C-alpha atoms as a PDB file:
ATOM      1  CA  UNK A   1     -15.372 -13.931 -51.957  1.00  0.00           C
ATOM      2  CA  UNK A   2     -18.416 -15.714 -53.367  1.00  0.00           C
ATOM      3  CA  UNK A   3     -19.947 -18.276 -51.059  1.00  0.00           C
ATOM      4  CA  UNK A   4     -22.963 -19.345 -53.089  1.00  0.00           C
ATOM      5  CA  UNK A   5     -24.129 -22.626 -54.628  1.00  0.00           C
ATOM      6  CA  UNK A   6     -26.689 -23.848 -57.088  1.00  0.00           C
ATOM      7  CA  UNK A   7     -28.050 -27.200 -55.933  1.00  0.00           C
ATOM      8  CA  UNK A   8     -29.820 -29.422 -58.442  1.00  0.00           C
ATOM      9  CA  UNK A   9     -32.229 -32.278 -57.886  1.00  0.00           C
ATOM     10  CA  UNK A  10     -34.667 -34.050 -60.198  1.00  0.00           C
ATOM     11  CA  UNK A  11     -38.075 -35.485 -59.381  1.00  0.00           C
ATOM     12  CA  UNK A  12     -40.607 -37.765 -61.032  1.00  0.00           C
ATOM     13  CA  UNK A  13     -43.444 -35.214 -60.983  1.00  0.00           C
ATOM     14  CA  UNK A  14     -43.982 -31.493 -61.240  1.00  0.00           C
ATOM     15  CA  UNK A  15     -45.945 -31.539 -57.966  1.00  0.00           C
ATOM     16  CA  UNK A  16     -43.009 -33.091 -56.112  1.00  0.00           C
ATOM     17  CA  UNK A  17     -40.599 -30.547 -57.607  1.00  0.00           C
ATOM     18  CA  UNK A  18     -42.870 -27.672 -56.594  1.00  0.00           C
ATOM     19  CA  UNK A  19     -43.269 -29.109 -53.073  1.00  0.00           C
ATOM     20  CA  UNK A  20     -39.479 -29.271 -52.654  1.00  0.00           C
ATOM     21  CA  UNK A  21     -39.048 -25.771 -54.099  1.00  0.00           C
ATOM     22  CA  UNK A  22     -41.661 -24.277 -51.779  1.00  0.00           C
ATOM     23  CA  UNK A  23     -40.211 -26.005 -48.703  1.00  0.00           C
ATOM     24  CA  UNK A  24     -36.668 -24.802 -49.405  1.00  0.00           C
ATOM     25  CA  UNK A  25     -37.822 -21.208 -49.866  1.00  0.00           C
ATOM     26  CA  UNK A  26     -40.225 -21.314 -46.878  1.00  0.00           C
ATOM     27  CA  UNK A  27     -37.425 -22.630 -44.632  1.00  0.00           C
ATOM     28  CA  UNK A  28     -35.105 -19.900 -46.002  1.00  0.00           C
ATOM     29  CA  UNK A  29     -32.653 -22.561 -47.167  1.00  0.00           C
ATOM     30  CA  UNK A  30     -32.842 -21.165 -50.705  1.00  0.00           C
ATOM     31  CA  UNK A  31     -33.656 -17.702 -51.946  1.00  0.00           C
ATOM     32  CA  UNK A  32     -35.035 -19.004 -55.215  1.00  0.00           C
ATOM     33  CA  UNK A  33     -35.726 -22.441 -56.669  1.00  0.00           C
ATOM     34  CA  UNK A  34     -36.445 -22.765 -60.355  1.00  0.00           C
ATOM     35  CA  UNK A  35     -38.513 -25.738 -61.514  1.00  0.00           C
ATOM     36  CA  UNK A  36     -37.762 -26.811 -65.084  1.00  0.00           C
ATOM     37  CA  UNK A  37     -39.339 -29.516 -67.140  1.00  0.00           C
ATOM     38  CA  UNK A  38     -40.250 -31.870 -68.168  1.00  0.00           C
ATOM     39  CA  UNK A  39     -36.741 -32.976 -69.062  1.00  0.00           C
ATOM     40  CA  UNK A  40     -35.762 -36.420 -70.321  1.00  0.00           C
ATOM     41  CA  UNK A  41     -33.156 -38.329 -68.314  1.00  0.00           C
ATOM     42  CA  UNK A  42     -31.356 -41.472 -69.441  1.00  0.00           C
ATOM     43  CA  UNK A  43     -29.570 -43.432 -66.735  1.00  0.00           C
ATOM     44  CA  UNK A  44     -28.622 -46.889 -65.543  1.00  0.00           C
ATOM     45  CA  UNK A  45     -30.715 -48.137 -62.597  1.00  0.00           C
ATOM     46  CA  UNK A  46     -30.801 -51.646 -61.204  1.00  0.00           C
ATOM     47  CA  UNK A  47     -28.649 -52.897 -64.080  1.00  0.00           C
ATOM     48  CA  UNK A  48     -30.836 -51.534 -66.864  1.00  0.00           C
ATOM     49  CA  UNK A  49     -30.657 -48.422 -68.996  1.00  0.00           C
ATOM     50  CA  UNK A  50     -33.812 -46.426 -68.396  1.00  0.00           C
ATOM     51  CA  UNK A  51     -35.297 -43.224 -69.747  1.00  0.00           C
ATOM     52  CA  UNK A  52     -37.883 -41.143 -67.936  1.00  0.00           C
ATOM     53  CA  UNK A  53     -39.366 -37.684 -67.891  1.00  0.00           C
ATOM     54  CA  UNK A  54     -38.390 -35.706 -64.812  1.00  0.00           C
ATOM     55  CA  UNK A  55     -38.619 -32.220 -63.363  1.00  0.00           C
ATOM     56  CA  UNK A  56     -35.495 -30.363 -62.283  1.00  0.00           C
ATOM     57  CA  UNK A  57     -35.144 -28.049 -59.290  1.00  0.00           C
ATOM     58  CA  UNK A  58     -32.281 -25.535 -59.229  1.00  0.00           C
ATOM     59  CA  UNK A  59     -31.908 -23.990 -55.771  1.00  0.00           C
ATOM     60  CA  UNK A  60     -29.817 -20.899 -55.083  1.00  0.00           C
ATOM     61  CA  UNK A  61     -28.232 -20.891 -51.638  1.00  0.00           C
ATOM     62  CA  UNK A  62     -25.042 -20.380 -49.662  1.00  0.00           C
ATOM     63  CA  UNK A  63     -22.322 -23.005 -49.246  1.00  0.00           C
ATOM     64  CA  UNK A  64     -22.824 -23.156 -45.477  1.00  0.00           C
ATOM     65  CA  UNK A  65     -26.441 -24.264 -45.953  1.00  0.00           C
ATOM     66  CA  UNK A  66     -25.644 -27.251 -48.182  1.00  0.00           C
ATOM     67  CA  UNK A  67     -26.125 -29.899 -45.480  1.00  0.00           C
ATOM     68  CA  UNK A  68     -29.495 -28.463 -44.443  1.00  0.00           C
ATOM     69  CA  UNK A  69     -30.648 -28.269 -48.072  1.00  0.00           C
ATOM     70  CA  UNK A  70     -29.565 -31.864 -48.696  1.00  0.00           C
ATOM     71  CA  UNK A  71     -31.374 -33.027 -45.551  1.00  0.00           C
ATOM     72  CA  UNK A  72     -34.572 -31.218 -46.584  1.00  0.00           C
ATOM     73  CA  UNK A  73     -34.458 -32.654 -50.105  1.00  0.00           C
ATOM     74  CA  UNK A  74     -33.961 -36.183 -48.730  1.00  0.00           C
ATOM     75  CA  UNK A  75     -36.922 -35.715 -46.346  1.00  0.00           C
ATOM     76  CA  UNK A  76     -39.248 -34.617 -49.150  1.00  0.00           C
ATOM     77  CA  UNK A  77     -37.993 -36.717 -52.069  1.00  0.00           C
ATOM     78  CA  UNK A  78     -39.591 -39.977 -53.203  1.00  0.00           C
ATOM     79  CA  UNK A  79     -36.539 -41.437 -54.986  1.00  0.00           C
ATOM     80  CA  UNK A  80     -34.405 -44.034 -53.177  1.00  0.00           C
ATOM     81  CA  UNK A  81     -31.274 -42.220 -54.400  1.00  0.00           C
ATOM     82  CA  UNK A  82     -32.153 -38.650 -55.392  1.00  0.00           C
ATOM     83  CA  UNK A  83     -29.770 -36.604 -57.457  1.00  0.00           C
ATOM     84  CA  UNK A  84     -28.395 -33.844 -55.228  1.00  0.00           C
ATOM     85  CA  UNK A  85     -25.505 -31.993 -56.846  1.00  0.00           C
ATOM     86  CA  UNK A  86     -24.014 -28.652 -55.840  1.00  0.00           C
ATOM     87  CA  UNK A  87     -22.132 -26.331 -58.169  1.00  0.00           C
ATOM     88  CA  UNK A  88     -20.253 -23.326 -56.798  1.00  0.00           C
ATOM     89  CA  UNK A  89     -21.143 -19.907 -58.150  1.00  0.00           C
ATOM     90  CA  UNK A  90     -17.904 -18.375 -59.401  1.00  0.00           C
ATOM     91  CA  UNK A  91     -19.335 -15.026 -60.502  1.00  0.00           C
ATOM     92  CA  UNK A  92     -22.647 -13.221 -60.410  1.00  0.00           C
ATOM     93  CA  UNK A  93     -24.449  -9.929 -60.357  1.00  0.00           C
ATOM     94  CA  UNK A  94     -23.699  -8.245 -57.040  1.00  0.00           C
ATOM     95  CA  UNK A  95     -27.245  -6.927 -56.828  1.00  0.00           C
ATOM     96  CA  UNK A  96     -28.646 -10.463 -57.237  1.00  0.00           C
ATOM     97  CA  UNK A  97     -26.199 -11.934 -54.716  1.00  0.00           C
ATOM     98  CA  UNK A  98     -27.086  -9.196 -52.223  1.00  0.00           C
ATOM     99  CA  UNK A  99     -30.778 -10.001 -52.687  1.00  0.00           C
ATOM    100  CA  UNK A 100     -30.074 -13.739 -52.303  1.00  0.00           C
ATOM    101  CA  UNK A 101     -28.157 -13.115 -49.067  1.00  0.00           C
ATOM    102  CA  UNK A 102     -31.161 -11.311 -47.648  1.00  0.00           C
ATOM    103  CA  UNK A 103     -33.570 -14.141 -48.487  1.00  0.00           C
ATOM    104  CA  UNK A 104     -31.720 -17.083 -46.918  1.00  0.00           C
ATOM    105  CA  UNK A 105     -30.721 -17.891 -43.362  1.00  0.00           C
ATOM    106  CA  UNK A 106     -27.840 -15.707 -42.177  1.00  0.00           C
ATOM    107  CA  UNK A 107     -24.402 -17.337 -41.787  1.00  0.00           C
ATOM    108  CA  UNK A 108     -24.743 -17.543 -37.992  1.00  0.00           C
ATOM    109  CA  UNK A 109     -27.570 -20.084 -38.414  1.00  0.00           C
ATOM    110  CA  UNK A 110     -25.691 -22.405 -40.790  1.00  0.00           C
ATOM    111  CA  UNK A 111     -25.684 -25.930 -39.297  1.00  0.00           C
ATOM    112  CA  UNK A 112     -27.807 -24.990 -36.239  1.00  0.00           C
END
């Protein structure tokens, strides 16, 4: 059974995205975080349609670490309401998933 997630967040700056990526990997909450951008986001905020350039982080982790990843992102993020969305991994290269498992906290430490 696959127990992995990709968690996405967006930030206002590349520096912020890289800071979040480094923290997640250093804390072993993600095995890899890709930083993409700039991307252009269009959204409604405070009653107005807005468009801004952002940077996207895509973190690879295990389902049991979601709450810790969300907490870390909230601690480091500058947005009032940061995007934090998780998508389950439904298939993947076994070699990559084995590597990922070795780079993140083991299941026994989930939620500790």
